Amino acid sequence: SGVDGLDDVFASAVSPDGKHLYAVAGGDNSISLF
């Protein structure tokens, strides 16, 4: 469904305002924004 950047996710964090989540994935060498 168009989701990208979650191959081997190791960590995530929600922004202080609660509007966004960031996921860090080693398999994709990426940071994904939701």
PDB file of all heavy atoms in Angstrom:
ATOM      1  N   SER A   1       0.816  -1.226   0.000  1.00  0.00           N
ATOM      2  CA  SER A   1       0.000   0.000   0.000  1.00  0.00           C
ATOM      3  C   SER A   1       0.844   1.269   0.000  1.00  0.00           C
ATOM      4  O   SER A   1       0.524   2.245   0.672  1.00  0.00           O
ATOM      5  CB  SER A   1      -0.950   0.003   1.203  1.00  0.00           C
ATOM      6  OG  SER A   1      -1.821  -1.099   1.143  1.00  0.00           O
ATOM      7  N   GLY A   2       1.958   1.249  -0.740  1.00  0.00           N
ATOM      8  CA  GLY A   2       2.789   2.442  -0.889  1.00  0.00           C
ATOM      9  C   GLY A   2       3.743   2.709   0.258  1.00  0.00           C
ATOM     10  O   GLY A   2       4.488   3.679   0.232  1.00  0.00           O
ATOM     11  N   VAL A   3       3.756   1.873   1.285  1.00  0.00           N
ATOM     12  CA  VAL A   3       4.659   2.060   2.423  1.00  0.00           C
ATOM     13  C   VAL A   3       6.063   1.647   2.013  1.00  0.00           C
ATOM     14  O   VAL A   3       6.262   0.606   1.388  1.00  0.00           O
ATOM     15  CB  VAL A   3       4.182   1.240   3.643  1.00  0.00           C
ATOM     16  CG1 VAL A   3       5.199   1.309   4.776  1.00  0.00           C
ATOM     17  CG2 VAL A   3       2.822   1.732   4.107  1.00  0.00           C
ATOM     18  N   ASP A   4       7.062   2.450   2.376  1.00  0.00           N
ATOM     19  CA  ASP A   4       8.440   2.159   2.022  1.00  0.00           C
ATOM     20  C   ASP A   4       9.351   2.513   3.191  1.00  0.00           C
ATOM     21  O   ASP A   4       9.041   3.385   4.002  1.00  0.00           O
ATOM     22  CB  ASP A   4       8.845   2.967   0.782  1.00  0.00           C
ATOM     23  CG  ASP A   4      10.102   2.446   0.129  1.00  0.00           C
ATOM     24  OD1 ASP A   4      10.572   1.342   0.491  1.00  0.00           O
ATOM     25  OD2 ASP A   4      10.635   3.142  -0.754  1.00  0.00           O
ATOM     26  N   GLY A   5      10.490   1.815   3.262  1.00  0.00           N
ATOM     27  CA  GLY A   5      11.501   2.145   4.256  1.00  0.00           C
ATOM     28  C   GLY A   5      11.358   1.414   5.570  1.00  0.00           C
ATOM     29  O   GLY A   5      11.851   1.883   6.591  1.00  0.00           O
ATOM     30  N   LEU A   6      10.725   0.251   5.577  1.00  0.00           N
ATOM     31  CA  LEU A   6      10.555  -0.495   6.834  1.00  0.00           C
ATOM     32  C   LEU A   6      11.316  -1.814   6.854  1.00  0.00           C
ATOM     33  O   LEU A   6      11.055  -2.656   7.709  1.00  0.00           O
ATOM     34  CB  LEU A   6       9.065  -0.762   7.099  1.00  0.00           C
ATOM     35  CG  LEU A   6       8.179   0.456   7.284  1.00  0.00           C
ATOM     36  CD1 LEU A   6       6.753   0.022   7.591  1.00  0.00           C
ATOM     37  CD2 LEU A   6       8.716   1.357   8.387  1.00  0.00           C
ATOM     38  N   ASP A   7      12.273  -1.998   5.944  1.00  0.00           N
ATOM     39  CA  ASP A   7      13.042  -3.234   5.928  1.00  0.00           C
ATOM     40  C   ASP A   7      14.062  -3.211   7.061  1.00  0.00           C
ATOM     41  O   ASP A   7      14.991  -2.426   7.061  1.00  0.00           O
ATOM     42  CB  ASP A   7      13.739  -3.392   4.575  1.00  0.00           C
ATOM     43  CG  ASP A   7      14.469  -4.711   4.443  1.00  0.00           C
ATOM     44  OD1 ASP A   7      14.158  -5.654   5.206  1.00  0.00           O
ATOM     45  OD2 ASP A   7      15.361  -4.795   3.582  1.00  0.00           O
ATOM     46  N   ASP A   8      13.882  -4.076   8.043  1.00  0.00           N
ATOM     47  CA  ASP A   8      14.719  -4.157   9.249  1.00  0.00           C
ATOM     48  C   ASP A   8      14.629  -2.894  10.095  1.00  0.00           C
ATOM     49  O   ASP A   8      15.636  -2.278  10.442  1.00  0.00           O
ATOM     50  CB  ASP A   8      16.177  -4.455   8.906  1.00  0.00           C
ATOM     51  CG  ASP A   8      16.376  -5.872   8.452  1.00  0.00           C
ATOM     52  OD1 ASP A   8      15.569  -6.745   8.826  1.00  0.00           O
ATOM     53  OD2 ASP A   8      17.354  -6.128   7.719  1.00  0.00           O
ATOM     54  N   VAL A   9      13.427  -2.511  10.460  1.00  0.00           N
ATOM     55  CA  VAL A   9      13.223  -1.362  11.351  1.00  0.00           C
ATOM     56  C   VAL A   9      13.807  -1.693  12.722  1.00  0.00           C
ATOM     57  O   VAL A   9      13.533  -2.743  13.280  1.00  0.00           O
ATOM     58  CB  VAL A   9      11.722  -1.022  11.499  1.00  0.00           C
ATOM     59  CG1 VAL A   9      11.508   0.009  12.591  1.00  0.00           C
ATOM     60  CG2 VAL A   9      11.172  -0.525  10.184  1.00  0.00           C
ATOM     61  N   PHE A  10      14.624  -0.792  13.251  1.00  0.00           N
ATOM     62  CA  PHE A  10      15.215  -0.975  14.567  1.00  0.00           C
ATOM     63  C   PHE A  10      14.703   0.026  15.592  1.00  0.00           C
ATOM     64  O   PHE A  10      14.764  -0.227  16.785  1.00  0.00           O
ATOM     65  CB  PHE A  10      16.742  -0.850  14.495  1.00  0.00           C
ATOM     66  CG  PHE A  10      17.415  -2.102  14.065  1.00  0.00           C
ATOM     67  CD1 PHE A  10      17.606  -2.365  12.720  1.00  0.00           C
ATOM     68  CD2 PHE A  10      17.849  -3.029  14.984  1.00  0.00           C
ATOM     69  CE1 PHE A  10      18.227  -3.519  12.303  1.00  0.00           C
ATOM     70  CE2 PHE A  10      18.469  -4.194  14.587  1.00  0.00           C
ATOM     71  CZ  PHE A  10      18.662  -4.440  13.233  1.00  0.00           C
ATOM     72  N   ALA A  11      14.252   1.180  15.143  1.00  0.00           N
ATOM     73  CA  ALA A  11      13.851   2.207  16.101  1.00  0.00           C
ATOM     74  C   ALA A  11      12.798   3.112  15.479  1.00  0.00           C
ATOM     75  O   ALA A  11      12.725   3.261  14.264  1.00  0.00           O
ATOM     76  CB  ALA A  11      15.060   3.045  16.513  1.00  0.00           C
ATOM     77  N   SER A  12      12.004   3.702  16.353  1.00  0.00           N
ATOM     78  CA  SER A  12      11.025   4.688  15.907  1.00  0.00           C
ATOM     79  C   SER A  12      10.829   5.706  17.013  1.00  0.00           C
ATOM     80  O   SER A  12      11.131   5.443  18.177  1.00  0.00           O
ATOM     81  CB  SER A  12       9.694   4.021  15.554  1.00  0.00           C
ATOM     82  OG  SER A  12       9.144   3.398  16.688  1.00  0.00           O
ATOM     83  N   ALA A  13      10.328   6.867  16.634  1.00  0.00           N
ATOM     84  CA  ALA A  13      10.053   7.922  17.608  1.00  0.00           C
ATOM     85  C   ALA A  13       8.879   8.751  17.106  1.00  0.00           C
ATOM     86  O   ALA A  13       8.748   9.006  15.910  1.00  0.00           O
ATOM     87  CB  ALA A  13      11.280   8.820  17.793  1.00  0.00           C
ATOM     88  N   VAL A  14       8.049   9.170  18.042  1.00  0.00           N
ATOM     89  CA  VAL A  14       6.906  10.030  17.741  1.00  0.00           C
ATOM     90  C   VAL A  14       7.296  11.456  18.100  1.00  0.00           C
ATOM     91  O   VAL A  14       7.901  11.704  19.147  1.00  0.00           O
ATOM     92  CB  VAL A  14       5.654   9.590  18.536  1.00  0.00           C
ATOM     93  CG1 VAL A  14       4.495  10.547  18.308  1.00  0.00           C
ATOM     94  CG2 VAL A  14       5.262   8.169  18.158  1.00  0.00           C
ATOM     95  N   SER A  15       6.942  12.394  17.240  1.00  0.00           N
ATOM     96  CA  SER A  15       7.250  13.800  17.488  1.00  0.00           C
ATOM     97  C   SER A  15       6.529  14.283  18.751  1.00  0.00           C
ATOM     98  O   SER A  15       5.475  13.756  19.110  1.00  0.00           O
ATOM     99  CB  SER A  15       6.850  14.650  16.287  1.00  0.00           C
ATOM    100  OG  SER A  15       5.456  14.544  16.045  1.00  0.00           O
ATOM    101  N   PRO A  16       7.082  15.292  19.429  1.00  0.00           N
ATOM    102  CA  PRO A  16       6.479  15.793  20.670  1.00  0.00           C
ATOM    103  C   PRO A  16       5.031  16.259  20.507  1.00  0.00           C
ATOM    104  O   PRO A  16       4.239  16.136  21.436  1.00  0.00           O
ATOM    105  CB  PRO A  16       7.379  16.961  21.070  1.00  0.00           C
ATOM    106  CG  PRO A  16       8.675  16.693  20.408  1.00  0.00           C
ATOM    107  CD  PRO A  16       8.346  15.967  19.133  1.00  0.00           C
ATOM    108  N   ASP A  17       4.684  16.742  19.319  1.00  0.00           N
ATOM    109  CA  ASP A  17       3.304  17.186  19.089  1.00  0.00           C
ATOM    110  C   ASP A  17       2.378  16.031  18.717  1.00  0.00           C
ATOM    111  O   ASP A  17       1.178  16.206  18.557  1.00  0.00           O
ATOM    112  CB  ASP A  17       3.251  18.271  18.014  1.00  0.00           C
ATOM    113  CG  ASP A  17       3.819  17.824  16.667  1.00  0.00           C
ATOM    114  OD1 ASP A  17       4.076  16.610  16.479  1.00  0.00           O
ATOM    115  OD2 ASP A  17       4.004  18.688  15.803  1.00  0.00           O
ATOM    116  N   GLY A  18       2.947  14.826  18.553  1.00  0.00           N
ATOM    117  CA  GLY A  18       2.159  13.640  18.248  1.00  0.00           C
ATOM    118  C   GLY A  18       1.711  13.523  16.804  1.00  0.00           C
ATOM    119  O   GLY A  18       0.969  12.610  16.455  1.00  0.00           O
ATOM    120  N   LYS A  19       2.179  14.429  15.919  1.00  0.00           N
ATOM    121  CA  LYS A  19       1.708  14.443  14.533  1.00  0.00           C
ATOM    122  C   LYS A  19       2.470  13.527  13.600  1.00  0.00           C
ATOM    123  O   LYS A  19       1.975  13.190  12.530  1.00  0.00           O
ATOM    124  CB  LYS A  19       1.759  15.872  13.982  1.00  0.00           C
ATOM    125  CG  LYS A  19       0.795  16.807  14.665  1.00  0.00           C
ATOM    126  CD  LYS A  19       0.700  18.206  14.084  1.00  0.00           C
ATOM    127  CE  LYS A  19       1.807  18.714  13.258  1.00  0.00           C
ATOM    128  NZ  LYS A  19       1.658  20.117  12.846  1.00  0.00           N
ATOM    129  N   HIS A  20       3.685  13.094  13.978  1.00  0.00           N
ATOM    130  CA  HIS A  20       4.515  12.319  13.064  1.00  0.00           C
ATOM    131  C   HIS A  20       5.247  11.201  13.794  1.00  0.00           C
ATOM    132  O   HIS A  20       5.578  11.333  14.969  1.00  0.00           O
ATOM    133  CB  HIS A  20       5.544  13.227  12.377  1.00  0.00           C
ATOM    134  CG  HIS A  20       4.918  14.336  11.618  1.00  0.00           C
ATOM    135  ND1 HIS A  20       4.841  15.624  12.110  1.00  0.00           N
ATOM    136  CD2 HIS A  20       4.284  14.351  10.421  1.00  0.00           C
ATOM    137  CE1 HIS A  20       4.201  16.383  11.229  1.00  0.00           C
ATOM    138  NE2 HIS A  20       3.860  15.644  10.205  1.00  0.00           N
ATOM    139  N   LEU A  21       5.517  10.124  13.048  1.00  0.00           N
ATOM    140  CA  LEU A  21       6.346   9.035  13.540  1.00  0.00           C
ATOM    141  C   LEU A  21       7.476   8.845  12.549  1.00  0.00           C
ATOM    142  O   LEU A  21       7.252   8.880  11.329  1.00  0.00           O
ATOM    143  CB  LEU A  21       5.541   7.739  13.652  1.00  0.00           C
ATOM    144  CG  LEU A  21       6.366   6.532  14.121  1.00  0.00           C
ATOM    145  CD1 LEU A  21       5.643   5.811  15.241  1.00  0.00           C
ATOM    146  CD2 LEU A  21       6.665   5.584  12.985  1.00  0.00           C
ATOM    147  N   TYR A  22       8.697   8.669  13.072  1.00  0.00           N
ATOM    148  CA  TYR A  22       9.873   8.422  12.253  1.00  0.00           C
ATOM    149  C   TYR A  22      10.362   7.011  12.557  1.00  0.00           C
ATOM    150  O   TYR A  22      10.486   6.637  13.727  1.00  0.00           O
ATOM    151  CB  TYR A  22      10.984   9.438  12.557  1.00  0.00           C
ATOM    152  CG  TYR A  22      10.544  10.843  12.252  1.00  0.00           C
ATOM    153  CD1 TYR A  22       9.869  11.600  13.200  1.00  0.00           C
ATOM    154  CD2 TYR A  22      10.768  11.399  10.995  1.00  0.00           C
ATOM    155  CE1 TYR A  22       9.428  12.884  12.916  1.00  0.00           C
ATOM    156  CE2 TYR A  22      10.329  12.687  10.706  1.00  0.00           C
ATOM    157  CZ  TYR A  22       9.660  13.417  11.667  1.00  0.00           C
ATOM    158  OH  TYR A  22       9.215  14.682  11.381  1.00  0.00           O
ATOM    159  N   ALA A  23      10.642   6.225  11.519  1.00  0.00           N
ATOM    160  CA  ALA A  23      11.148   4.865  11.678  1.00  0.00           C
ATOM    161  C   ALA A  23      12.495   4.764  10.981  1.00  0.00           C
ATOM    162  O   ALA A  23      12.647   5.206   9.837  1.00  0.00           O
ATOM    163  CB  ALA A  23      10.167   3.869  11.078  1.00  0.00           C
ATOM    164  N   VAL A  24      13.484   4.179  11.667  1.00  0.00           N
ATOM    165  CA  VAL A  24      14.826   4.010  11.116  1.00  0.00           C
ATOM    166  C   VAL A  24      15.006   2.539  10.772  1.00  0.00           C
ATOM    167  O   VAL A  24      14.805   1.671  11.619  1.00  0.00           O
ATOM    168  CB  VAL A  24      15.896   4.455  12.130  1.00  0.00           C
ATOM    169  CG1 VAL A  24      17.284   4.274  11.552  1.00  0.00           C
ATOM    170  CG2 VAL A  24      15.670   5.898  12.540  1.00  0.00           C
ATOM    171  N   ALA A  25      15.377   2.273   9.513  1.00  0.00           N
ATOM    172  CA  ALA A  25      15.488   0.893   9.033  1.00  0.00           C
ATOM    173  C   ALA A  25      16.867   0.630   8.449  1.00  0.00           C
ATOM    174  O   ALA A  25      17.315   1.356   7.562  1.00  0.00           O
ATOM    175  CB  ALA A  25      14.420   0.619   7.985  1.00  0.00           C
ATOM    176  N   GLY A  26      17.516  -0.419   8.939  1.00  0.00           N
ATOM    177  CA  GLY A  26      18.842  -0.795   8.454  1.00  0.00           C
ATOM    178  C   GLY A  26      18.814  -1.425   7.079  1.00  0.00           C
ATOM    179  O   GLY A  26      19.695  -1.186   6.264  1.00  0.00           O
ATOM    180  N   GLY A  27      17.810  -2.246   6.794  1.00  0.00           N
ATOM    181  CA  GLY A  27      17.730  -2.914   5.497  1.00  0.00           C
ATOM    182  C   GLY A  27      17.540  -1.947   4.350  1.00  0.00           C
ATOM    183  O   GLY A  27      18.024  -2.173   3.249  1.00  0.00           O
ATOM    184  N   ASP A  28      16.834  -0.859   4.613  1.00  0.00           N
ATOM    185  CA  ASP A  28      16.616   0.163   3.587  1.00  0.00           C
ATOM    186  C   ASP A  28      17.590   1.331   3.713  1.00  0.00           C
ATOM    187  O   ASP A  28      17.548   2.253   2.901  1.00  0.00           O
ATOM    188  CB  ASP A  28      15.188   0.725   3.690  1.00  0.00           C
ATOM    189  CG  ASP A  28      14.156  -0.210   3.106  1.00  0.00           C
ATOM    190  OD1 ASP A  28      14.461  -0.886   2.108  1.00  0.00           O
ATOM    191  OD2 ASP A  28      13.042  -0.266   3.643  1.00  0.00           O
ATOM    192  N   ASN A  29      18.425   1.327   4.767  1.00  0.00           N
ATOM    193  CA  ASN A  29      19.305   2.474   5.030  1.00  0.00           C
ATOM    194  C   ASN A  29      18.498   3.766   4.971  1.00  0.00           C
ATOM    195  O   ASN A  29      18.802   4.676   4.216  1.00  0.00           O
ATOM    196  CB  ASN A  29      20.464   2.538   4.038  1.00  0.00           C
ATOM    197  CG  ASN A  29      21.415   1.384   4.191  1.00  0.00           C
ATOM    198  OD1 ASN A  29      21.494   0.769   5.253  1.00  0.00           O
ATOM    199  ND2 ASN A  29      22.126   1.064   3.134  1.00  0.00           N
ATOM    200  N   SER A  30      17.436   3.809   5.773  1.00  0.00           N
ATOM    201  CA  SER A  30      16.512   4.924   5.605  1.00  0.00           C
ATOM    202  C   SER A  30      15.846   5.365   6.900  1.00  0.00           C
ATOM    203  O   SER A  30      15.868   4.670   7.912  1.00  0.00           O
ATOM    204  CB  SER A  30      15.418   4.520   4.617  1.00  0.00           C
ATOM    205  OG  SER A  30      14.622   3.496   5.180  1.00  0.00           O
ATOM    206  N   ILE A  31      15.253   6.537   6.801  1.00  0.00           N
ATOM    207  CA  ILE A  31      14.340   7.070   7.805  1.00  0.00           C
ATOM    208  C   ILE A  31      13.018   7.276   7.081  1.00  0.00           C
ATOM    209  O   ILE A  31      12.980   7.928   6.043  1.00  0.00           O
ATOM    210  CB  ILE A  31      14.807   8.427   8.364  1.00  0.00           C
ATOM    211  CG1 ILE A  31      16.206   8.335   8.935  1.00  0.00           C
ATOM    212  CG2 ILE A  31      13.818   8.948   9.403  1.00  0.00           C
ATOM    213  CD1 ILE A  31      16.827   9.695   9.204  1.00  0.00           C
ATOM    214  N   SER A  32      11.961   6.714   7.614  1.00  0.00           N
ATOM    215  CA  SER A  32      10.636   6.890   7.008  1.00  0.00           C
ATOM    216  C   SER A  32       9.793   7.788   7.894  1.00  0.00           C
ATOM    217  O   SER A  32       9.852   7.710   9.116  1.00  0.00           O
ATOM    218  CB  SER A  32       9.936   5.544   6.832  1.00  0.00           C
ATOM    219  OG  SER A  32      10.614   4.781   5.881  1.00  0.00           O
ATOM    220  N   LEU A  33       8.994   8.615   7.243  1.00  0.00           N
ATOM    221  CA  LEU A  33       8.103   9.541   7.928  1.00  0.00           C
ATOM    222  C   LEU A  33       6.665   9.097   7.729  1.00  0.00           C
ATOM    223  O   LEU A  33       6.248   8.801   6.607  1.00  0.00           O
ATOM    224  CB  LEU A  33       8.284  10.959   7.360  1.00  0.00           C
ATOM    225  CG  LEU A  33       7.217  12.000   7.711  1.00  0.00           C
ATOM    226  CD1 LEU A  33       7.180  12.279   9.212  1.00  0.00           C
ATOM    227  CD2 LEU A  33       7.460  13.278   6.921  1.00  0.00           C
ATOM    228  N   PHE A  34       5.927   9.059   8.821  1.00  0.00           N
ATOM    229  CA  PHE A  34       4.506   8.754   8.792  1.00  0.00           C
ATOM    230  C   PHE A  34       3.752   9.886   9.477  1.00  0.00           C
ATOM    231  O   PHE A  34       4.176  10.375  10.524  1.00  0.00           O
ATOM    232  CB  PHE A  34       4.207   7.448   9.537  1.00  0.00           C
ATOM    233  CG  PHE A  34       4.842   6.258   8.893  1.00  0.00           C
ATOM    234  CD1 PHE A  34       6.155   5.905   9.193  1.00  0.00           C
ATOM    235  CD2 PHE A  34       4.145   5.499   7.974  1.00  0.00           C
ATOM    236  CE1 PHE A  34       6.752   4.820   8.592  1.00  0.00           C
ATOM    237  CE2 PHE A  34       4.733   4.402   7.360  1.00  0.00           C
ATOM    238  CZ  PHE A  34       6.045   4.068   7.674  1.00  0.00           C
TER     239      PHE A  34
END
